[in-house]
C-alpha atoms as a PDB file:
ATOM      1  CA  MET A   1      -1.733  41.010 -42.818  1.00  0.00           C
ATOM      2  CA  LEU A   2      -1.784  43.656 -40.119  1.00  0.00           C
ATOM      3  CA  VAL A   3      -2.993  42.376 -36.732  1.00  0.00           C
ATOM      4  CA  THR A   4      -2.999  43.732 -33.192  1.00  0.00           C
ATOM      5  CA  LEU A   5      -0.566  42.540 -30.561  1.00  0.00           C
ATOM      6  CA  LYS A   6      -3.476  41.098 -28.616  1.00  0.00           C
ATOM      7  CA  GLU A   7      -4.511  38.956 -31.599  1.00  0.00           C
ATOM      8  CA  ASN A   8      -0.965  37.807 -32.292  1.00  0.00           C
ATOM      9  CA  LEU A   9      -0.208  36.871 -28.696  1.00  0.00           C
ATOM     10  CA  LYS A  10      -3.571  35.172 -28.106  1.00  0.00           C
ATOM     11  CA  LYS A  11      -2.673  32.583 -30.737  1.00  0.00           C
ATOM     12  CA  ALA A  12       0.823  32.309 -29.291  1.00  0.00           C
ATOM     13  CA  ASP A  13      -0.645  31.589 -25.858  1.00  0.00           C
ATOM     14  CA  GLU A  14      -2.939  28.942 -27.305  1.00  0.00           C
ATOM     15  CA  GLY A  15      -0.050  27.327 -29.183  1.00  0.00           C
ATOM     16  CA  ASN A  16       2.588  27.741 -26.437  1.00  0.00           C
ATOM     17  CA  TYR A  17       5.043  29.675 -28.581  1.00  0.00           C
ATOM     18  CA  ALA A  18       6.435  33.219 -28.694  1.00  0.00           C
ATOM     19  CA  VAL A  19       6.264  35.888 -31.382  1.00  0.00           C
ATOM     20  CA  GLY A  20       9.512  37.673 -32.162  1.00  0.00           C
ATOM     21  CA  GLN A  21       9.694  41.459 -32.167  1.00  0.00           C
ATOM     22  CA  PHE A  22      12.336  42.960 -34.436  1.00  0.00           C
ATOM     23  CA  ASN A  23      13.211  46.647 -34.310  1.00  0.00           C
ATOM     24  CA  CYS A  24      13.394  48.239 -37.756  1.00  0.00           C
ATOM     25  CA  PRO A  25      15.433  51.449 -37.919  1.00  0.00           C
ATOM     26  CA  THR A  26      16.149  50.749 -41.611  1.00  0.00           C
ATOM     27  CA  LEU A  27      14.267  49.413 -44.610  1.00  0.00           C
ATOM     28  CA  GLU A  28      16.729  46.500 -44.796  1.00  0.00           C
ATOM     29  CA  SER A  29      15.914  45.370 -41.263  1.00  0.00           C
ATOM     30  CA  ALA A  30      12.179  45.528 -41.944  1.00  0.00           C
ATOM     31  CA  ARG A  31      12.396  43.617 -45.228  1.00  0.00           C
ATOM     32  CA  GLY A  32      14.730  41.048 -43.693  1.00  0.00           C
ATOM     33  CA  ALA A  33      12.231  40.393 -40.903  1.00  0.00           C
ATOM     34  CA  ILE A  34       9.235  40.134 -43.238  1.00  0.00           C
ATOM     35  CA  GLU A  35      11.043  37.789 -45.616  1.00  0.00           C
ATOM     36  CA  ALA A  36      12.203  35.579 -42.742  1.00  0.00           C
ATOM     37  CA  ALA A  37       8.658  35.331 -41.401  1.00  0.00           C
ATOM     38  CA  GLU A  38       7.203  34.543 -44.820  1.00  0.00           C
ATOM     39  CA  ASP A  39       9.871  31.902 -45.428  1.00  0.00           C
ATOM     40  CA  LEU A  40       8.680  30.136 -42.274  1.00  0.00           C
ATOM     41  CA  GLN A  41       5.022  31.203 -42.506  1.00  0.00           C
ATOM     42  CA  ALA A  42       5.260  32.502 -38.958  1.00  0.00           C
ATOM     43  CA  PRO A  43       3.842  35.613 -37.239  1.00  0.00           C
ATOM     44  CA  ILE A  44       6.131  38.503 -36.286  1.00  0.00           C
ATOM     45  CA  ILE A  45       6.182  41.996 -34.825  1.00  0.00           C
ATOM     46  CA  LEU A  46       7.842  44.911 -36.605  1.00  0.00           C
ATOM     47  CA  ALA A  47       8.783  47.649 -34.160  1.00  0.00           C
ATOM     48  CA  HIS A  48       9.945  51.225 -34.168  1.00  0.00           C
ATOM     49  CA  ALA A  49      11.730  52.165 -30.964  1.00  0.00           C
ATOM     50  CA  GLU A  50      11.274  55.772 -29.893  1.00  0.00           C
ATOM     51  CA  VAL A  51      15.034  55.966 -29.341  1.00  0.00           C
ATOM     52  CA  HIS A  52      15.505  55.235 -33.062  1.00  0.00           C
ATOM     53  CA  ASP A  53      13.711  58.449 -33.987  1.00  0.00           C
ATOM     54  CA  GLU A  54      17.155  60.041 -34.181  1.00  0.00           C
ATOM     55  CA  ILE A  55      18.077  57.536 -36.915  1.00  0.00           C
ATOM     56  CA  ILE A  56      14.800  57.728 -38.797  1.00  0.00           C
ATOM     57  CA  PRO A  57      11.661  59.530 -37.539  1.00  0.00           C
ATOM     58  CA  ILE A  58       8.508  57.523 -37.002  1.00  0.00           C
ATOM     59  CA  GLU A  59       6.777  59.747 -39.574  1.00  0.00           C
ATOM     60  CA  LEU A  60       9.071  58.266 -42.253  1.00  0.00           C
ATOM     61  CA  ILE A  61       9.565  54.630 -41.246  1.00  0.00           C
ATOM     62  CA  GLY A  62       6.117  54.130 -39.675  1.00  0.00           C
ATOM     63  CA  PRO A  63       4.030  54.155 -42.885  1.00  0.00           C
ATOM     64  CA  VAL A  64       6.554  51.788 -44.494  1.00  0.00           C
ATOM     65  CA  LEU A  65       6.192  49.280 -41.655  1.00  0.00           C
ATOM     66  CA  VAL A  66       2.402  49.483 -41.815  1.00  0.00           C
ATOM     67  CA  ARG A  67       2.389  48.905 -45.575  1.00  0.00           C
ATOM     68  CA  LEU A  68       4.790  45.953 -45.305  1.00  0.00           C
ATOM     69  CA  ALA A  69       2.564  44.432 -42.629  1.00  0.00           C
ATOM     70  CA  LYS A  70      -0.619  44.829 -44.660  1.00  0.00           C
ATOM     71  CA  GLU A  71       0.986  43.253 -47.730  1.00  0.00           C
ATOM     72  CA  ALA A  72       2.597  40.334 -45.857  1.00  0.00           C
ATOM     73  CA  SER A  73       1.269  36.798 -46.196  1.00  0.00           C
ATOM     74  CA  VAL A  74       1.657  36.231 -42.440  1.00  0.00           C
ATOM     75  CA  PRO A  75       0.235  37.993 -39.351  1.00  0.00           C
ATOM     76  CA  VAL A  76       2.325  41.089 -38.587  1.00  0.00           C
ATOM     77  CA  THR A  77       1.919  43.508 -35.686  1.00  0.00           C
ATOM     78  CA  VAL A  78       3.392  47.002 -36.064  1.00  0.00           C
ATOM     79  CA  HIS A  79       4.477  48.148 -32.627  1.00  0.00           C
ATOM     80  CA  LEU A  80       5.883  51.251 -30.937  1.00  0.00           C
ATOM     81  CA  ASP A  81       8.718  50.117 -28.666  1.00  0.00           C
ATOM     82  CA  HIS A  82       9.479  52.007 -25.440  1.00  0.00           C
ATOM     83  CA  GLY A  83       7.233  54.980 -26.079  1.00  0.00           C
ATOM     84  CA  THR A  84       7.694  57.457 -23.255  1.00  0.00           C
ATOM     85  CA  ASN A  85       4.676  59.742 -23.537  1.00  0.00           C
ATOM     86  CA  LEU A  86       1.104  59.956 -24.787  1.00  0.00           C
ATOM     87  CA  GLU A  87       2.078  62.298 -27.618  1.00  0.00           C
ATOM     88  CA  MET A  88       4.376  59.666 -29.156  1.00  0.00           C
ATOM     89  CA  VAL A  89       1.743  56.988 -28.652  1.00  0.00           C
ATOM     90  CA  LYS A  90      -0.892  59.073 -30.435  1.00  0.00           C
ATOM     91  CA  LYS A  91       1.523  59.727 -33.286  1.00  0.00           C
ATOM     92  CA  ALA A  92       2.091  55.976 -33.753  1.00  0.00           C
ATOM     93  CA  ILE A  93      -1.627  55.217 -33.653  1.00  0.00           C
ATOM     94  CA  ASP A  94      -2.419  57.968 -36.163  1.00  0.00           C
ATOM     95  CA  ILE A  95       0.168  56.476 -38.541  1.00  0.00           C
ATOM     96  CA  GLY A  96      -1.535  53.093 -38.313  1.00  0.00           C
ATOM     97  CA  PHE A  97       0.423  51.125 -35.718  1.00  0.00           C
ATOM     98  CA  SER A  98      -1.608  48.247 -34.277  1.00  0.00           C
ATOM     99  CA  SER A  99       0.220  48.160 -30.943  1.00  0.00           C
ATOM    100  CA  VAL A 100       2.107  50.525 -28.636  1.00  0.00           C
ATOM    101  CA  MET A 101       4.322  50.210 -25.600  1.00  0.00           C
ATOM    102  CA  ILE A 102       4.206  52.911 -22.972  1.00  0.00           C
ATOM    103  CA  ASP A 103       7.283  52.681 -20.770  1.00  0.00           C
ATOM    104  CA  ALA A 104       6.702  54.601 -17.559  1.00  0.00           C
ATOM    105  CA  SER A 105       8.653  52.122 -15.430  1.00  0.00           C
ATOM    106  CA  VAL A 106      11.086  54.815 -14.244  1.00  0.00           C
ATOM    107  CA  LEU A 107       8.226  56.634 -12.503  1.00  0.00           C
ATOM    108  CA  THR A 108       6.747  55.786  -9.122  1.00  0.00           C
ATOM    109  CA  TYR A 109       4.304  52.885  -9.115  1.00  0.00           C
ATOM    110  CA  GLU A 110       1.293  55.178  -8.820  1.00  0.00           C
ATOM    111  CA  GLU A 111       2.550  57.438 -11.616  1.00  0.00           C
ATOM    112  CA  ASN A 112       3.247  54.399 -13.796  1.00  0.00           C
ATOM    113  CA  VAL A 113      -0.300  53.130 -13.278  1.00  0.00           C
ATOM    114  CA  ASN A 114      -1.894  56.498 -14.049  1.00  0.00           C
ATOM    115  CA  THR A 115       0.222  57.052 -17.169  1.00  0.00           C
ATOM    116  CA  VAL A 116      -0.511  53.584 -18.516  1.00  0.00           C
ATOM    117  CA  LYS A 117      -4.249  53.902 -17.813  1.00  0.00           C
ATOM    118  CA  GLU A 118      -4.377  57.078 -19.882  1.00  0.00           C
ATOM    119  CA  VAL A 119      -2.627  55.360 -22.799  1.00  0.00           C
ATOM    120  CA  VAL A 120      -4.830  52.262 -22.567  1.00  0.00           C
ATOM    121  CA  GLU A 121      -7.986  54.368 -22.645  1.00  0.00           C
ATOM    122  CA  TYR A 122      -6.870  56.140 -25.820  1.00  0.00           C
ATOM    123  CA  ALA A 123      -5.390  53.092 -27.551  1.00  0.00           C
ATOM    124  CA  HIS A 124      -8.255  50.695 -26.901  1.00  0.00           C
ATOM    125  CA  LYS A 125     -10.714  53.217 -28.365  1.00  0.00           C
ATOM    126  CA  ASN A 126      -8.699  52.884 -31.572  1.00  0.00           C
ATOM    127  CA  ASN A 127      -8.449  49.062 -31.449  1.00  0.00           C
ATOM    128  CA  VAL A 128      -4.740  49.261 -30.627  1.00  0.00           C
ATOM    129  CA  SER A 129      -3.062  46.958 -28.101  1.00  0.00           C
ATOM    130  CA  VAL A 130      -0.922  48.213 -25.214  1.00  0.00           C
ATOM    131  CA  GLU A 131       2.211  46.807 -23.605  1.00  0.00           C
ATOM    132  CA  ALA A 132       3.649  48.303 -20.422  1.00  0.00           C
ATOM    133  CA  GLU A 133       6.664  47.574 -18.248  1.00  0.00           C
ATOM    134  CA  LEU A 134       6.972  46.832 -14.548  1.00  0.00           C
ATOM    135  CA  GLY A 135      10.343  46.326 -12.904  1.00  0.00           C
ATOM    136  CA  VAL A 136      13.795  47.548 -13.894  1.00  0.00           C
ATOM    137  CA  MET A 137      15.298  46.297 -17.154  1.00  0.00           C
ATOM    138  CA  THR A 138      19.007  47.058 -16.885  1.00  0.00           C
ATOM    139  CA  SER A 139      21.434  47.648 -19.749  1.00  0.00           C
ATOM    140  CA  SER A 140      24.418  45.494 -18.870  1.00  0.00           C
ATOM    141  CA  GLY A 141      25.907  45.565 -22.314  1.00  0.00           C
ATOM    142  CA  ILE A 142      27.074  48.008 -24.932  1.00  0.00           C
ATOM    143  CA  GLY A 143      28.518  50.874 -22.928  1.00  0.00           C
ATOM    144  CA  GLY A 144      26.897  49.549 -19.766  1.00  0.00           C
ATOM    145  CA  GLU A 145      28.351  48.041 -16.634  1.00  0.00           C
ATOM    146  CA  ASP A 146      27.668  44.733 -14.964  1.00  0.00           C
ATOM    147  CA  THR A 147      24.692  45.043 -12.630  1.00  0.00           C
ATOM    148  CA  GLY A 148      25.171  41.661 -11.008  1.00  0.00           C
ATOM    149  CA  GLY A 149      25.661  43.215  -7.600  1.00  0.00           C
ATOM    150  CA  ASP A 150      22.272  44.900  -7.522  1.00  0.00           C
ATOM    151  CA  ASN A 151      19.461  43.585  -5.333  1.00  0.00           C
ATOM    152  CA  GLU A 152      17.399  41.419  -7.672  1.00  0.00           C
ATOM    153  CA  ASP A 153      14.241  41.766  -5.574  1.00  0.00           C
ATOM    154  CA  GLU A 154      14.391  45.527  -6.069  1.00  0.00           C
ATOM    155  CA  LEU A 155      14.996  45.263  -9.818  1.00  0.00           C
ATOM    156  CA  TYR A 156      12.842  42.309 -10.825  1.00  0.00           C
ATOM    157  CA  THR A 157       9.077  42.365 -11.292  1.00  0.00           C
ATOM    158  CA  ASP A 158       7.093  41.393  -8.197  1.00  0.00           C
ATOM    159  CA  PRO A 159       4.362  38.861  -9.171  1.00  0.00           C
ATOM    160  CA  ASP A 160       1.832  40.263  -6.690  1.00  0.00           C
ATOM    161  CA  ILE A 161       2.403  43.853  -7.755  1.00  0.00           C
ATOM    162  CA  ALA A 162       2.176  42.700 -11.382  1.00  0.00           C
ATOM    163  CA  LYS A 163      -1.319  41.345 -10.699  1.00  0.00           C
ATOM    164  CA  ASP A 164      -2.413  44.649  -9.188  1.00  0.00           C
ATOM    165  CA  PHE A 165      -0.818  46.572 -12.068  1.00  0.00           C
ATOM    166  CA  VAL A 166      -2.650  44.612 -14.756  1.00  0.00           C
ATOM    167  CA  GLU A 167      -5.974  44.816 -12.919  1.00  0.00           C
ATOM    168  CA  LYS A 168      -5.681  48.598 -12.585  1.00  0.00           C
ATOM    169  CA  THR A 169      -4.442  49.326 -16.121  1.00  0.00           C
ATOM    170  CA  ASN A 170      -6.064  46.616 -18.288  1.00  0.00           C
ATOM    171  CA  ILE A 171      -2.972  46.319 -20.487  1.00  0.00           C
ATOM    172  CA  ASP A 172      -2.745  43.577 -23.113  1.00  0.00           C
ATOM    173  CA  ALA A 173       0.823  42.436 -22.361  1.00  0.00           C
ATOM    174  CA  LEU A 174       3.359  43.001 -19.591  1.00  0.00           C
ATOM    175  CA  ALA A 175       7.100  43.460 -20.042  1.00  0.00           C
ATOM    176  CA  ALA A 176       8.567  41.818 -16.956  1.00  0.00           C
ATOM    177  CA  ALA A 177      12.062  41.961 -15.475  1.00  0.00           C
ATOM    178  CA  PHE A 178      13.344  38.527 -14.446  1.00  0.00           C
ATOM    179  CA  GLY A 179      17.001  38.458 -15.475  1.00  0.00           C
ATOM    180  CA  THR A 180      17.483  39.615 -19.057  1.00  0.00           C
ATOM    181  CA  VAL A 181      19.120  42.919 -20.026  1.00  0.00           C
ATOM    182  CA  HIS A 182      19.110  45.241 -23.007  1.00  0.00           C
ATOM    183  CA  GLY A 183      22.071  45.175 -25.369  1.00  0.00           C
ATOM    184  CA  ILE A 184      24.986  42.753 -25.600  1.00  0.00           C
ATOM    185  CA  TYR A 185      25.520  40.472 -22.595  1.00  0.00           C
ATOM    186  CA  VAL A 186      28.788  40.874 -20.701  1.00  0.00           C
ATOM    187  CA  ASN A 187      27.823  38.091 -18.287  1.00  0.00           C
ATOM    188  CA  LYS A 188      25.674  34.985 -18.596  1.00  0.00           C
ATOM    189  CA  PRO A 189      22.105  35.948 -17.628  1.00  0.00           C
ATOM    190  CA  ASN A 190      20.595  34.484 -14.480  1.00  0.00           C
ATOM    191  CA  LEU A 191      16.947  33.920 -15.390  1.00  0.00           C
ATOM    192  CA  ASP A 192      14.426  33.575 -12.561  1.00  0.00           C
ATOM    193  CA  TYR A 193      11.996  31.046 -14.046  1.00  0.00           C
ATOM    194  CA  ASP A 194       9.994  30.631 -10.825  1.00  0.00           C
ATOM    195  CA  ARG A 195       9.339  34.363 -10.732  1.00  0.00           C
ATOM    196  CA  LEU A 196       8.374  34.304 -14.413  1.00  0.00           C
ATOM    197  CA  SER A 197       5.848  31.500 -13.856  1.00  0.00           C
ATOM    198  CA  LYS A 198       4.283  33.321 -10.912  1.00  0.00           C
ATOM    199  CA  ILE A 199       3.975  36.513 -12.941  1.00  0.00           C
ATOM    200  CA  HIS A 200       2.305  34.669 -15.821  1.00  0.00           C
ATOM    201  CA  ASP A 201      -0.087  32.831 -13.491  1.00  0.00           C
ATOM    202  CA  ASN A 202      -0.965  36.005 -11.587  1.00  0.00           C
ATOM    203  CA  ILE A 203      -1.649  38.354 -14.482  1.00  0.00           C
ATOM    204  CA  GLN A 204      -3.325  35.976 -16.955  1.00  0.00           C
ATOM    205  CA  ARG A 205      -1.804  38.026 -19.754  1.00  0.00           C
ATOM    206  CA  PRO A 206       1.074  37.403 -22.170  1.00  0.00           C
ATOM    207  CA  VAL A 207       4.496  38.141 -20.675  1.00  0.00           C
ATOM    208  CA  VAL A 208       7.033  40.042 -22.791  1.00  0.00           C
ATOM    209  CA  MET A 209      10.771  39.402 -22.568  1.00  0.00           C
ATOM    210  CA  HIS A 210      12.951  42.391 -23.400  1.00  0.00           C
ATOM    211  CA  GLY A 211      16.667  41.865 -23.965  1.00  0.00           C
ATOM    212  CA  GLY A 212      15.914  38.643 -25.823  1.00  0.00           C
ATOM    213  CA  SER A 213      19.112  38.572 -27.879  1.00  0.00           C
ATOM    214  CA  GLY A 214      22.016  36.409 -26.793  1.00  0.00           C
ATOM    215  CA  LEU A 215      20.189  33.643 -24.933  1.00  0.00           C
ATOM    216  CA  SER A 216      20.740  29.964 -25.668  1.00  0.00           C
ATOM    217  CA  GLU A 217      18.103  27.891 -27.458  1.00  0.00           C
ATOM    218  CA  GLU A 218      17.403  26.093 -24.182  1.00  0.00           C
ATOM    219  CA  GLU A 219      16.875  29.396 -22.378  1.00  0.00           C
ATOM    220  CA  TYR A 220      14.461  30.603 -25.061  1.00  0.00           C
ATOM    221  CA  ILE A 221      12.444  27.400 -24.796  1.00  0.00           C
ATOM    222  CA  ASN A 222      12.403  27.559 -20.998  1.00  0.00           C
ATOM    223  CA  THR A 223      11.146  31.145 -20.961  1.00  0.00           C
ATOM    224  CA  ILE A 224       8.385  30.216 -23.417  1.00  0.00           C
ATOM    225  CA  ASN A 225       7.384  27.223 -21.295  1.00  0.00           C
ATOM    226  CA  HIS A 226       7.158  29.558 -18.295  1.00  0.00           C
ATOM    227  CA  GLY A 227       4.849  32.082 -19.962  1.00  0.00           C
ATOM    228  CA  VAL A 228       6.787  34.356 -22.336  1.00  0.00           C
ATOM    229  CA  ARG A 229       4.770  35.041 -25.495  1.00  0.00           C
ATOM    230  CA  LYS A 230       6.719  37.949 -27.013  1.00  0.00           C
ATOM    231  CA  ILE A 231      10.494  38.093 -27.354  1.00  0.00           C
ATOM    232  CA  ASN A 232      12.243  41.352 -28.237  1.00  0.00           C
ATOM    233  CA  TYR A 233      15.245  40.467 -30.387  1.00  0.00           C
ATOM    234  CA  TYR A 234      17.499  43.078 -31.954  1.00  0.00           C
ATOM    235  CA  SER A 235      21.045  43.722 -30.699  1.00  0.00           C
ATOM    236  CA  TYR A 236      22.673  40.474 -31.811  1.00  0.00           C
ATOM    237  CA  ALA A 237      20.975  40.540 -35.213  1.00  0.00           C
ATOM    238  CA  ALA A 238      22.117  44.122 -35.784  1.00  0.00           C
ATOM    239  CA  LYS A 239      25.655  43.119 -34.838  1.00  0.00           C
ATOM    240  CA  ALA A 240      25.509  40.138 -37.218  1.00  0.00           C
ATOM    241  CA  GLY A 241      24.411  42.435 -40.044  1.00  0.00           C
ATOM    242  CA  ALA A 242      27.319  44.777 -39.358  1.00  0.00           C
ATOM    243  CA  ASP A 243      29.793  41.891 -39.253  1.00  0.00           C
ATOM    244  CA  ALA A 244      28.514  40.594 -42.607  1.00  0.00           C
ATOM    245  CA  VAL A 245      28.989  44.020 -44.186  1.00  0.00           C
ATOM    246  CA  LYS A 246      32.490  44.300 -42.724  1.00  0.00           C
ATOM    247  CA  LYS A 247      33.405  40.886 -44.144  1.00  0.00           C
ATOM    248  CA  TYR A 248      32.030  41.819 -47.564  1.00  0.00           C
ATOM    249  CA  VAL A 249      34.012  45.057 -47.637  1.00  0.00           C
ATOM    250  CA  ASN A 250      37.216  43.211 -46.761  1.00  0.00           C
ATOM    251  CA  GLN A 251      36.672  40.679 -49.553  1.00  0.00           C
ATOM    252  CA  HIS A 252      35.567  42.936 -52.421  1.00  0.00           C
ATOM    253  CA  GLU A 253      36.681  46.006 -54.342  1.00  0.00           C
ATOM    254  CA  ASP A 254      34.689  48.589 -56.294  1.00  0.00           C
ATOM    255  CA  ILE A 255      31.810  48.399 -53.824  1.00  0.00           C
ATOM    256  CA  PHE A 256      28.617  50.410 -54.153  1.00  0.00           C
ATOM    257  CA  TYR A 257      26.498  51.409 -51.165  1.00  0.00           C
ATOM    258  CA  HIS A 258      23.516  49.391 -52.383  1.00  0.00           C
ATOM    259  CA  ASP A 259      25.681  46.246 -52.338  1.00  0.00           C
ATOM    260  CA  LEU A 260      26.060  46.697 -48.592  1.00  0.00           C
ATOM    261  CA  THR A 261      22.327  47.080 -48.011  1.00  0.00           C
ATOM    262  CA  VAL A 262      21.679  43.777 -49.796  1.00  0.00           C
ATOM    263  CA  VAL A 263      24.353  42.017 -47.734  1.00  0.00           C
ATOM    264  CA  ALA A 264      22.916  43.420 -44.508  1.00  0.00           C
ATOM    265  CA  LYS A 265      19.347  42.476 -45.411  1.00  0.00           C
ATOM    266  CA  GLU A 266      20.261  38.886 -46.263  1.00  0.00           C
ATOM    267  CA  GLU A 267      22.235  38.444 -43.049  1.00  0.00           C
ATOM    268  CA  LEU A 268      19.348  39.853 -41.009  1.00  0.00           C
ATOM    269  CA  ARG A 269      16.921  37.587 -42.842  1.00  0.00           C
ATOM    270  CA  ASN A 270      18.978  34.492 -42.023  1.00  0.00           C
ATOM    271  CA  ASN A 271      19.527  35.581 -38.425  1.00  0.00           C
ATOM    272  CA  TYR A 272      15.845  36.298 -37.916  1.00  0.00           C
ATOM    273  CA  LYS A 273      14.880  32.943 -39.442  1.00  0.00           C
ATOM    274  CA  LYS A 274      16.955  31.125 -36.845  1.00  0.00           C
ATOM    275  CA  ALA A 275      15.352  33.137 -34.047  1.00  0.00           C
ATOM    276  CA  ILE A 276      11.796  32.739 -35.355  1.00  0.00           C
ATOM    277  CA  SER A 277      12.262  28.994 -35.807  1.00  0.00           C
ATOM    278  CA  ILE A 278      13.151  28.672 -32.115  1.00  0.00           C
ATOM    279  CA  PHE A 279      10.435  31.026 -30.869  1.00  0.00           C
ATOM    280  CA  THR A 280       7.668  29.298 -32.869  1.00  0.00           C
ATOM    281  CA  ASN A 281       8.957  25.708 -32.871  1.00  0.00           C
ATOM    282  CA  LYS A 282       9.401  25.756 -36.643  1.00  0.00           C
ATOM    283  CA  GLY A 283      12.527  24.142 -38.055  1.00  0.00           C
ATOM    284  CA  VAL A 284      14.683  26.124 -40.476  1.00  0.00           C
END
C-alpha cells in the first residue's frame, strides 16, 4: 500500500525502529526491495534519486514505483531523493510520489529555508511529505577523498540551528550530518551520537541518515536508539548485485541478458532483507 513518509516514520518513531530507503534506478532493484519487504512484512521506501535521471528518467521509472507500492502487501513510501528544485519536486508529485526530498543544503542558510518553505507549501497541499537536509554530507567514497581532516563542527548539523530550521520550514523529516558519508567508506565512520540525540530532541521530528550503507549492525542499532527513523541504503547493495552478476558470468556459458537481471534481483532481495531485518528488529 502506498503511504506518505510522515505516516511511515510516525509508526517507526512509535516502535523505535527505522524504515529503509532503497534507490531504484532499475526494475530489478525495485522488485528486489518490494520482495524483501514482503518476505519480512516490513515497511520500506522506494526512491528515485534525481541524479539517476540520466540512467532512467523519473517519467519512466516513477509510475512503476508508484504501482509497485500500491500493489504491495506492506506500507511503501515512494520518495524523490535529493531533488534540487521545485520543478523536479512538482514532477514527482504529479506522477504520484508520496514523499519528496528537497536538497538545498549547498545554499546559504536563509536560501535553504526559503527554498524548503516553498516546497513544503506545495507538497503539503497535495498530501505529500517533505524531507530536507541541513549540514554537509560528504562523499568520502567512490571517486571521493577522505574528508577526515575537515572541521566537523562546520560540516555536521548544529542541533540548535536544526530546531530553528524545522520551526521555520515545517518539514516532516530532517536529513542530518553526524558522521556518515555517501558512497563506499574508505575509512571507518566516526558517528557523533551525542549530536544525533540533541538533534532528535530539539526538532521533535524523525531524523534521516544518509550514507547508511557500510555500517556495522551495532552502529545501525545505536543510530536508531539515538533518533534515526529513516536509513538510506544503496551503495553496498548495488555493489553486491554487481558482484553476484560477475560471479555468475565467470561460472556459466551461453548467458542471456535476462539471466543477469534475475541474478541481480535475487542478490538485491537477499541484501535488502538483511538490512531491513536490522532496521526493523525483525530476524531473517
